[in-house]
Amino acid sequence: MRMDEARAAIGTAIAATIARDFVRAHREQQRIGYVPGPPTIRAGNHTAGHDASRVPTVPPAQLRIDRDSDSPGAIFTWKVESGEPPHAILRVPHHWLRDVVRPGHAVLDGHPVVQILDRDPDGRPAQILAVVVGGGFDPQIHGWRAHGDAVPRSVTWAPDGTPHVGS
């Protein structure tokens, strides 16, 4: 895998997770009959961010990748009201390109990988620092919003070689 492919895969994975969480939140609101009004405070003017009656479109996330970080992690928060696409900052170690990107581990089971923390006996990632994203409708301040952080996660591998990232 090349760096541009990793960047595209990560941006798509973040957007897919946001969209899934937005749909889940919207369905739950409908299931319980809750119809939130517009947020009480609106920091932006993009109306799709304030409309709880429908799930907004989520474009691929833009990335800034800070390589050679001594403190790997992620910074991510997105408010649809901004009218801008999601933007995430990944702080990755100097060996990220060699250990994560080139072997094709930039996204495992929908989770962007910031760092491989441990490997299994076959050399596959067993413990990773992954970007975990969540999102929903905030009726208090911003409306549709998403946030994320880098969190350690375990990885198990199915017999067919498919990775499964634990919670």
N, C-alpha and C. Protein backbone atom coordinates (compact mmCIF):
# COMPACT_ATOMS: atom_id res chain seq x y z
N MET A 1 0.84 -1.17 0.00
CA MET A 1 0.00 0.00 0.00
C MET A 1 0.89 1.23 0.00
N ARG A 2 0.45 2.25 -0.72
CA ARG A 2 1.18 3.52 -0.77
C ARG A 2 0.53 4.52 0.18
N MET A 3 1.25 5.58 0.46
CA MET A 3 0.77 6.61 1.38
C MET A 3 -0.55 7.22 0.91
N ASP A 4 -0.68 7.52 -0.39
CA ASP A 4 -1.92 8.12 -0.88
C ASP A 4 -3.09 7.16 -0.74
N GLU A 5 -2.84 5.86 -0.93
CA GLU A 5 -3.89 4.86 -0.74
C GLU A 5 -4.29 4.76 0.73
N ALA A 6 -3.30 4.82 1.62
CA ALA A 6 -3.57 4.78 3.06
C ALA A 6 -4.39 6.00 3.47
N ARG A 7 -4.02 7.16 2.99
CA ARG A 7 -4.73 8.39 3.31
C ARG A 7 -6.19 8.30 2.85
N ALA A 8 -6.41 7.82 1.64
CA ALA A 8 -7.78 7.68 1.11
C ALA A 8 -8.57 6.65 1.92
N ALA A 9 -7.94 5.54 2.26
CA ALA A 9 -8.62 4.49 3.03
C ALA A 9 -9.00 5.00 4.42
N ILE A 10 -8.12 5.74 5.06
CA ILE A 10 -8.40 6.28 6.40
C ILE A 10 -9.52 7.31 6.32
N GLY A 11 -9.46 8.22 5.36
CA GLY A 11 -10.51 9.23 5.21
C GLY A 11 -11.87 8.61 4.96
N THR A 12 -11.90 7.56 4.15
CA THR A 12 -13.15 6.85 3.86
C THR A 12 -13.64 6.10 5.09
N ALA A 13 -12.73 5.47 5.83
CA ALA A 13 -13.12 4.72 7.03
C ALA A 13 -13.71 5.65 8.09
N ILE A 14 -13.11 6.80 8.29
CA ILE A 14 -13.64 7.75 9.27
C ILE A 14 -15.03 8.21 8.85
N ALA A 15 -15.20 8.56 7.58
CA ALA A 15 -16.51 9.00 7.09
C ALA A 15 -17.56 7.90 7.22
N ALA A 16 -17.19 6.67 6.92
CA ALA A 16 -18.14 5.56 7.02
C ALA A 16 -18.59 5.34 8.46
N THR A 17 -17.67 5.47 9.40
CA THR A 17 -18.02 5.30 10.81
C THR A 17 -18.94 6.42 11.28
N ILE A 18 -18.65 7.64 10.87
CA ILE A 18 -19.52 8.78 11.23
C ILE A 18 -20.91 8.54 10.67
N ALA A 19 -21.00 8.20 9.38
CA ALA A 19 -22.29 7.99 8.73
C ALA A 19 -23.07 6.88 9.45
N ARG A 20 -22.40 5.79 9.79
CA ARG A 20 -23.05 4.67 10.49
C ARG A 20 -23.60 5.14 11.84
N ASP A 21 -22.81 5.89 12.58
CA ASP A 21 -23.26 6.37 13.89
C ASP A 21 -24.39 7.37 13.76
N PHE A 22 -24.35 8.24 12.75
CA PHE A 22 -25.44 9.19 12.53
C PHE A 22 -26.73 8.44 12.22
N VAL A 23 -26.66 7.44 11.35
CA VAL A 23 -27.86 6.65 11.01
C VAL A 23 -28.39 5.94 12.25
N ARG A 24 -27.49 5.36 13.03
CA ARG A 24 -27.90 4.66 14.26
C ARG A 24 -28.60 5.63 15.22
N ALA A 25 -28.04 6.81 15.42
CA ALA A 25 -28.64 7.80 16.31
C ALA A 25 -30.01 8.25 15.79
N HIS A 26 -30.10 8.47 14.48
CA HIS A 26 -31.37 8.90 13.89
C HIS A 26 -32.43 7.83 14.04
N ARG A 27 -32.08 6.58 13.80
CA ARG A 27 -33.04 5.48 13.96
C ARG A 27 -33.50 5.35 15.41
N GLU A 28 -32.58 5.53 16.34
CA GLU A 28 -32.94 5.44 17.75
C GLU A 28 -33.90 6.58 18.13
N GLN A 29 -33.65 7.78 17.61
CA GLN A 29 -34.56 8.90 17.87
C GLN A 29 -35.95 8.58 17.34
N GLN A 30 -36.01 8.02 16.13
CA GLN A 30 -37.30 7.66 15.55
C GLN A 30 -37.97 6.55 16.35
N ARG A 31 -37.21 5.57 16.78
CA ARG A 31 -37.76 4.42 17.51
C ARG A 31 -38.44 4.87 18.81
N ILE A 32 -37.83 5.79 19.51
CA ILE A 32 -38.41 6.23 20.78
C ILE A 32 -39.33 7.44 20.61
N GLY A 33 -39.49 7.93 19.39
CA GLY A 33 -40.39 9.04 19.12
C GLY A 33 -39.85 10.39 19.56
N TYR A 34 -38.54 10.50 19.67
CA TYR A 34 -37.91 11.75 20.09
C TYR A 34 -37.59 12.59 18.86
N VAL A 35 -38.07 13.81 18.86
CA VAL A 35 -37.79 14.73 17.76
C VAL A 35 -37.10 15.96 18.34
N PRO A 36 -35.75 15.95 18.32
CA PRO A 36 -35.06 17.11 18.90
C PRO A 36 -35.25 18.34 18.03
N GLY A 37 -35.35 19.47 18.68
CA GLY A 37 -35.41 20.73 17.96
C GLY A 37 -34.02 21.16 17.57
N PRO A 38 -33.90 22.31 16.97
CA PRO A 38 -32.56 22.80 16.63
C PRO A 38 -31.76 23.07 17.90
N PRO A 39 -30.45 22.97 17.80
CA PRO A 39 -29.61 23.22 18.97
C PRO A 39 -29.85 24.62 19.54
N THR A 40 -29.72 24.73 20.84
CA THR A 40 -29.96 26.02 21.48
C THR A 40 -28.88 27.03 21.16
N ILE A 41 -27.69 26.54 20.88
CA ILE A 41 -26.58 27.42 20.48
C ILE A 41 -26.10 26.95 19.12
N ARG A 42 -25.97 27.85 18.18
CA ARG A 42 -25.50 27.48 16.85
C ARG A 42 -24.24 28.26 16.54
N ALA A 43 -23.13 27.52 16.46
CA ALA A 43 -21.87 28.19 16.16
C ALA A 43 -21.64 28.37 14.67
N GLY A 44 -22.35 27.61 13.84
CA GLY A 44 -22.18 27.69 12.39
C GLY A 44 -23.51 27.88 11.71
N ASN A 45 -23.49 28.08 10.40
CA ASN A 45 -24.72 28.35 9.66
C ASN A 45 -25.13 27.26 8.69
N HIS A 46 -24.40 26.16 8.63
CA HIS A 46 -24.72 25.09 7.69
C HIS A 46 -25.96 24.35 8.20
N THR A 47 -27.09 24.55 7.56
CA THR A 47 -28.37 24.06 8.09
C THR A 47 -28.44 22.55 8.25
N ALA A 48 -27.73 21.79 7.42
CA ALA A 48 -27.76 20.33 7.55
C ALA A 48 -27.25 19.90 8.92
N GLY A 49 -26.40 20.69 9.53
CA GLY A 49 -25.88 20.37 10.84
C GLY A 49 -26.90 20.53 11.95
N HIS A 50 -27.93 21.33 11.72
CA HIS A 50 -28.92 21.62 12.75
C HIS A 50 -30.22 20.87 12.55
N ASP A 51 -30.37 20.14 11.45
CA ASP A 51 -31.63 19.47 11.10
C ASP A 51 -31.61 18.02 11.60
N ALA A 52 -32.30 17.76 12.71
CA ALA A 52 -32.33 16.41 13.29
C ALA A 52 -33.25 15.48 12.54
N SER A 53 -34.03 15.98 11.59
CA SER A 53 -35.00 15.14 10.89
C SER A 53 -34.38 14.24 9.82
N ARG A 54 -33.14 14.51 9.48
CA ARG A 54 -32.47 13.68 8.47
C ARG A 54 -30.97 13.61 8.77
N VAL A 55 -30.39 12.54 8.28
CA VAL A 55 -28.95 12.33 8.47
C VAL A 55 -28.20 13.07 7.37
N PRO A 56 -27.26 13.92 7.73
CA PRO A 56 -26.51 14.64 6.70
C PRO A 56 -25.51 13.75 5.98
N THR A 57 -25.14 14.16 4.79
CA THR A 57 -24.11 13.48 4.03
C THR A 57 -22.76 13.69 4.72
N VAL A 58 -21.96 12.64 4.74
CA VAL A 58 -20.65 12.73 5.37
C VAL A 58 -19.58 12.53 4.30
N PRO A 59 -18.83 13.58 3.96
CA PRO A 59 -17.76 13.42 2.96
C PRO A 59 -16.54 12.74 3.59
N PRO A 60 -15.66 12.20 2.75
CA PRO A 60 -14.43 11.60 3.30
C PRO A 60 -13.67 12.62 4.15
N ALA A 61 -13.06 12.13 5.20
CA ALA A 61 -12.30 13.00 6.09
C ALA A 61 -11.00 13.42 5.43
N GLN A 62 -10.65 14.67 5.64
CA GLN A 62 -9.35 15.18 5.24
C GLN A 62 -8.37 14.83 6.35
N LEU A 63 -7.13 14.52 5.99
CA LEU A 63 -6.16 14.11 7.00
C LEU A 63 -4.93 14.98 7.00
N ARG A 64 -4.43 15.19 8.19
CA ARG A 64 -3.08 15.71 8.36
C ARG A 64 -2.35 14.62 9.13
N ILE A 65 -1.28 14.14 8.58
CA ILE A 65 -0.52 13.07 9.23
C ILE A 65 0.80 13.66 9.68
N ASP A 66 0.96 13.71 10.99
CA ASP A 66 2.21 14.21 11.58
C ASP A 66 3.07 12.99 11.88
N ARG A 67 4.09 12.81 11.06
CA ARG A 67 4.97 11.66 11.23
C ARG A 67 6.08 11.98 12.23
N ASP A 68 6.69 10.94 12.70
CA ASP A 68 7.80 11.05 13.65
C ASP A 68 7.36 11.57 15.01
N SER A 69 6.15 11.26 15.43
CA SER A 69 5.66 11.73 16.72
C SER A 69 6.15 10.83 17.84
N ASP A 70 6.54 11.45 18.93
CA ASP A 70 6.91 10.71 20.14
C ASP A 70 5.67 10.35 20.96
N SER A 71 4.53 10.96 20.63
CA SER A 71 3.27 10.71 21.34
C SER A 71 2.18 10.39 20.32
N PRO A 72 2.19 9.16 19.77
CA PRO A 72 1.18 8.81 18.77
C PRO A 72 -0.24 9.00 19.31
N GLY A 73 -1.11 9.44 18.44
CA GLY A 73 -2.50 9.67 18.83
C GLY A 73 -3.29 10.28 17.69
N ALA A 74 -4.47 10.74 18.01
CA ALA A 74 -5.34 11.35 17.01
C ALA A 74 -6.10 12.51 17.64
N ILE A 75 -6.38 13.50 16.82
CA ILE A 75 -7.21 14.62 17.23
C ILE A 75 -8.33 14.69 16.19
N PHE A 76 -9.57 14.55 16.67
CA PHE A 76 -10.67 14.60 15.72
C PHE A 76 -11.95 15.06 16.41
N THR A 77 -12.54 16.10 15.88
CA THR A 77 -13.90 16.51 16.21
C THR A 77 -14.44 17.20 14.96
N TRP A 78 -15.71 16.94 14.67
CA TRP A 78 -16.33 17.53 13.48
C TRP A 78 -17.75 17.94 13.79
N LYS A 79 -18.06 19.13 13.41
CA LYS A 79 -19.41 19.65 13.54
C LYS A 79 -19.93 19.92 12.13
N VAL A 80 -21.01 19.25 11.75
CA VAL A 80 -21.56 19.40 10.40
C VAL A 80 -21.89 20.86 10.13
N GLU A 81 -22.29 21.58 11.16
CA GLU A 81 -22.67 22.99 11.01
C GLU A 81 -21.57 23.85 10.39
N SER A 82 -20.32 23.37 10.43
CA SER A 82 -19.22 24.15 9.88
C SER A 82 -19.29 24.24 8.36
N GLY A 83 -19.95 23.27 7.74
CA GLY A 83 -20.00 23.24 6.28
C GLY A 83 -18.74 22.70 5.64
N GLU A 84 -17.76 22.36 6.44
CA GLU A 84 -16.49 21.82 5.97
C GLU A 84 -16.48 20.30 6.12
N PRO A 85 -15.64 19.60 5.35
CA PRO A 85 -15.54 18.15 5.55
C PRO A 85 -14.84 17.85 6.87
N PRO A 86 -15.01 16.63 7.38
CA PRO A 86 -14.28 16.26 8.60
C PRO A 86 -12.77 16.39 8.36
N HIS A 87 -12.05 16.74 9.39
CA HIS A 87 -10.60 16.87 9.31
C HIS A 87 -10.00 16.21 10.55
N ALA A 88 -9.14 15.24 10.34
CA ALA A 88 -8.50 14.53 11.45
C ALA A 88 -7.00 14.74 11.39
N ILE A 89 -6.40 14.78 12.56
CA ILE A 89 -4.94 14.86 12.66
C ILE A 89 -4.46 13.56 13.29
N LEU A 90 -3.60 12.86 12.60
CA LEU A 90 -2.99 11.64 13.13
C LEU A 90 -1.54 11.94 13.45
N ARG A 91 -1.15 11.63 14.67
CA ARG A 91 0.26 11.74 15.08
C ARG A 91 0.79 10.31 15.12
N VAL A 92 1.67 9.99 14.20
CA VAL A 92 2.13 8.61 14.06
C VAL A 92 3.64 8.53 14.32
N PRO A 93 4.11 7.34 14.74
CA PRO A 93 5.54 7.18 14.99
C PRO A 93 6.32 7.14 13.69
N HIS A 94 7.64 7.29 13.80
CA HIS A 94 8.50 7.35 12.61
C HIS A 94 8.43 6.08 11.77
N HIS A 95 8.08 4.95 12.36
CA HIS A 95 8.04 3.68 11.63
C HIS A 95 6.65 3.34 11.09
N TRP A 96 5.71 4.29 11.14
CA TRP A 96 4.33 4.06 10.71
C TRP A 96 4.26 3.63 9.25
N LEU A 97 4.97 4.31 8.38
CA LEU A 97 4.93 3.97 6.95
C LEU A 97 5.41 2.53 6.74
N ARG A 98 6.49 2.16 7.38
CA ARG A 98 7.07 0.82 7.23
C ARG A 98 6.22 -0.27 7.90
N ASP A 99 5.73 0.01 9.12
CA ASP A 99 5.03 -1.01 9.90
C ASP A 99 3.53 -1.11 9.62
N VAL A 100 2.91 0.00 9.27
CA VAL A 100 1.46 0.04 9.14
C VAL A 100 1.01 0.17 7.68
N VAL A 101 1.54 1.17 6.99
CA VAL A 101 1.05 1.47 5.64
C VAL A 101 1.49 0.44 4.61
N ARG A 102 2.78 0.22 4.47
CA ARG A 102 3.27 -0.68 3.42
C ARG A 102 2.71 -2.10 3.50
N PRO A 103 2.57 -2.68 4.71
CA PRO A 103 1.98 -4.02 4.77
C PRO A 103 0.45 -4.03 4.61
N GLY A 104 -0.16 -2.85 4.46
CA GLY A 104 -1.61 -2.79 4.22
C GLY A 104 -2.45 -2.80 5.48
N HIS A 105 -1.91 -2.30 6.59
CA HIS A 105 -2.64 -2.29 7.85
C HIS A 105 -3.13 -0.90 8.24
N ALA A 106 -3.25 0.02 7.29
CA ALA A 106 -3.67 1.39 7.61
C ALA A 106 -5.08 1.43 8.18
N VAL A 107 -5.93 0.52 7.72
CA VAL A 107 -7.30 0.39 8.25
C VAL A 107 -7.54 -1.10 8.50
N LEU A 108 -7.86 -1.44 9.73
CA LEU A 108 -8.20 -2.82 10.08
C LEU A 108 -9.63 -2.84 10.62
N ASP A 109 -10.48 -3.61 9.98
CA ASP A 109 -11.86 -3.76 10.43
C ASP A 109 -12.54 -2.40 10.59
N GLY A 110 -12.26 -1.48 9.67
CA GLY A 110 -12.87 -0.16 9.69
C GLY A 110 -12.21 0.84 10.62
N HIS A 111 -11.14 0.44 11.31
CA HIS A 111 -10.46 1.32 12.26
C HIS A 111 -9.12 1.80 11.70
N PRO A 112 -8.93 3.11 11.55
CA PRO A 112 -7.62 3.61 11.16
C PRO A 112 -6.58 3.25 12.23
N VAL A 113 -5.42 2.81 11.79
CA VAL A 113 -4.37 2.36 12.70
C VAL A 113 -3.30 3.45 12.81
N VAL A 114 -3.08 3.89 14.04
CA VAL A 114 -2.06 4.89 14.33
C VAL A 114 -0.72 4.20 14.61
N GLN A 115 -0.79 3.06 15.30
CA GLN A 115 0.44 2.36 15.68
C GLN A 115 0.12 0.89 15.96
N ILE A 116 1.05 0.02 15.63
CA ILE A 116 0.95 -1.38 16.02
C ILE A 116 1.71 -1.52 17.34
N LEU A 117 1.00 -1.97 18.37
CA LEU A 117 1.58 -2.06 19.70
C LEU A 117 2.14 -3.45 20.00
N ASP A 118 1.57 -4.48 19.36
CA ASP A 118 2.03 -5.86 19.58
C ASP A 118 1.61 -6.70 18.38
N ARG A 119 2.33 -7.78 18.17
CA ARG A 119 2.04 -8.68 17.05
C ARG A 119 1.79 -10.09 17.56
N ASP A 120 1.04 -10.86 16.77
CA ASP A 120 0.81 -12.26 17.12
C ASP A 120 1.98 -13.11 16.63
N PRO A 121 2.00 -14.40 16.90
CA PRO A 121 3.13 -15.24 16.47
C PRO A 121 3.35 -15.26 14.95
N ASP A 122 2.30 -14.92 14.18
CA ASP A 122 2.43 -14.88 12.72
C ASP A 122 2.89 -13.52 12.22
N GLY A 123 3.16 -12.59 13.13
CA GLY A 123 3.64 -11.26 12.75
C GLY A 123 2.54 -10.27 12.42
N ARG A 124 1.28 -10.67 12.58
CA ARG A 124 0.15 -9.77 12.30
C ARG A 124 -0.13 -8.90 13.53
N PRO A 125 -0.72 -7.72 13.31
CA PRO A 125 -1.07 -6.87 14.46
C PRO A 125 -2.00 -7.62 15.42
N ALA A 126 -1.65 -7.59 16.71
CA ALA A 126 -2.48 -8.20 17.75
C ALA A 126 -3.04 -7.14 18.70
N GLN A 127 -2.32 -6.04 18.81
CA GLN A 127 -2.74 -4.90 19.63
C GLN A 127 -2.38 -3.65 18.84
N ILE A 128 -3.35 -2.74 18.69
CA ILE A 128 -3.12 -1.54 17.90
C ILE A 128 -3.58 -0.31 18.67
N LEU A 129 -3.07 0.83 18.28
CA LEU A 129 -3.61 2.11 18.68
C LEU A 129 -4.47 2.54 17.51
N ALA A 130 -5.79 2.53 17.70
CA ALA A 130 -6.72 2.77 16.61
C ALA A 130 -7.51 4.05 16.83
N VAL A 131 -7.90 4.70 15.74
CA VAL A 131 -8.78 5.85 15.84
C VAL A 131 -10.20 5.32 16.00
N VAL A 132 -10.82 5.66 17.12
CA VAL A 132 -12.19 5.26 17.40
C VAL A 132 -13.05 6.51 17.30
N VAL A 133 -14.05 6.45 16.42
CA VAL A 133 -14.89 7.60 16.11
C VAL A 133 -16.32 7.32 16.55
N GLY A 134 -16.99 8.33 17.06
CA GLY A 134 -18.40 8.24 17.40
C GLY A 134 -19.10 9.52 16.96
N GLY A 135 -20.40 9.43 16.79
CA GLY A 135 -21.12 10.62 16.37
C GLY A 135 -22.61 10.51 16.63
N GLY A 136 -23.29 11.63 16.60
CA GLY A 136 -24.73 11.67 16.81
C GLY A 136 -25.22 13.10 16.77
N PHE A 137 -26.45 13.29 17.21
CA PHE A 137 -27.05 14.62 17.21
C PHE A 137 -26.99 15.21 18.61
N ASP A 138 -26.44 16.38 18.74
CA ASP A 138 -26.32 17.09 20.00
C ASP A 138 -27.33 18.24 20.00
N PRO A 139 -28.46 18.09 20.69
CA PRO A 139 -29.48 19.15 20.66
C PRO A 139 -29.12 20.37 21.50
N GLN A 140 -28.05 20.28 22.28
CA GLN A 140 -27.68 21.39 23.15
C GLN A 140 -26.87 22.46 22.43
N ILE A 141 -25.88 22.02 21.63
CA ILE A 141 -24.97 23.02 21.09
C ILE A 141 -24.82 22.96 19.57
N HIS A 142 -24.30 21.85 19.03
CA HIS A 142 -23.86 21.86 17.63
C HIS A 142 -24.72 21.09 16.65
N GLY A 143 -25.67 20.31 17.08
CA GLY A 143 -26.41 19.48 16.14
C GLY A 143 -25.61 18.24 15.81
N TRP A 144 -25.58 17.85 14.53
CA TRP A 144 -24.83 16.65 14.12
C TRP A 144 -23.35 16.91 14.32
N ARG A 145 -22.72 16.01 15.08
CA ARG A 145 -21.29 16.16 15.32
C ARG A 145 -20.66 14.80 15.55
N ALA A 146 -19.36 14.74 15.34
CA ALA A 146 -18.60 13.51 15.55
C ALA A 146 -17.30 13.86 16.25
N HIS A 147 -16.74 12.87 16.91
CA HIS A 147 -15.49 13.08 17.63
C HIS A 147 -14.74 11.75 17.65
N GLY A 148 -13.47 11.80 17.93
CA GLY A 148 -12.69 10.57 17.97
C GLY A 148 -11.39 10.76 18.71
N ASP A 149 -10.80 9.63 19.03
CA ASP A 149 -9.54 9.62 19.76
C ASP A 149 -8.82 8.33 19.42
N ALA A 150 -7.55 8.28 19.73
CA ALA A 150 -6.78 7.04 19.54
C ALA A 150 -6.88 6.22 20.82
N VAL A 151 -7.25 4.96 20.64
CA VAL A 151 -7.52 4.07 21.78
C VAL A 151 -6.87 2.72 21.49
N PRO A 152 -6.23 2.10 22.49
CA PRO A 152 -5.69 0.75 22.29
C PRO A 152 -6.83 -0.25 22.05
N ARG A 153 -6.64 -1.13 21.07
CA ARG A 153 -7.63 -2.15 20.74
C ARG A 153 -6.91 -3.45 20.42
N SER A 154 -7.54 -4.55 20.77
CA SER A 154 -6.99 -5.86 20.41
C SER A 154 -7.47 -6.24 19.01
N VAL A 155 -6.68 -7.07 18.35
CA VAL A 155 -7.02 -7.54 17.01
C VAL A 155 -6.95 -9.07 17.03
N THR A 156 -8.01 -9.70 16.57
CA THR A 156 -7.99 -11.15 16.37
C THR A 156 -8.16 -11.39 14.87
N TRP A 157 -7.71 -12.54 14.43
CA TRP A 157 -7.73 -12.85 13.00
C TRP A 157 -8.55 -14.10 12.75
N ALA A 158 -9.50 -14.00 11.83
CA ALA A 158 -10.29 -15.16 11.43
C ALA A 158 -9.42 -16.10 10.60
N PRO A 159 -9.80 -17.37 10.50
CA PRO A 159 -9.01 -18.32 9.70
C PRO A 159 -8.78 -17.87 8.26
N ASP A 160 -9.70 -17.06 7.71
CA ASP A 160 -9.52 -16.60 6.33
C ASP A 160 -8.62 -15.37 6.23
N GLY A 161 -8.08 -14.91 7.38
CA GLY A 161 -7.18 -13.76 7.38
C GLY A 161 -7.85 -12.43 7.60
N THR A 162 -9.15 -12.42 7.93
CA THR A 162 -9.88 -11.18 8.16
C THR A 162 -9.63 -10.72 9.59
N PRO A 163 -9.22 -9.45 9.76
CA PRO A 163 -9.00 -8.94 11.11
C PRO A 163 -10.31 -8.50 11.77
N HIS A 164 -10.37 -8.68 13.07
CA HIS A 164 -11.51 -8.21 13.87
C HIS A 164 -10.95 -7.40 15.03
N VAL A 165 -11.33 -6.13 15.08
CA VAL A 165 -10.84 -5.24 16.12
C VAL A 165 -11.85 -5.26 17.27
N GLY A 166 -11.36 -5.54 18.48
CA GLY A 166 -12.20 -5.59 19.67
C GLY A 166 -12.48 -4.23 20.23
N SER A 167 -13.36 -4.22 21.20
CA SER A 167 -13.71 -2.94 21.83
C SER A 167 -12.99 -2.77 23.14
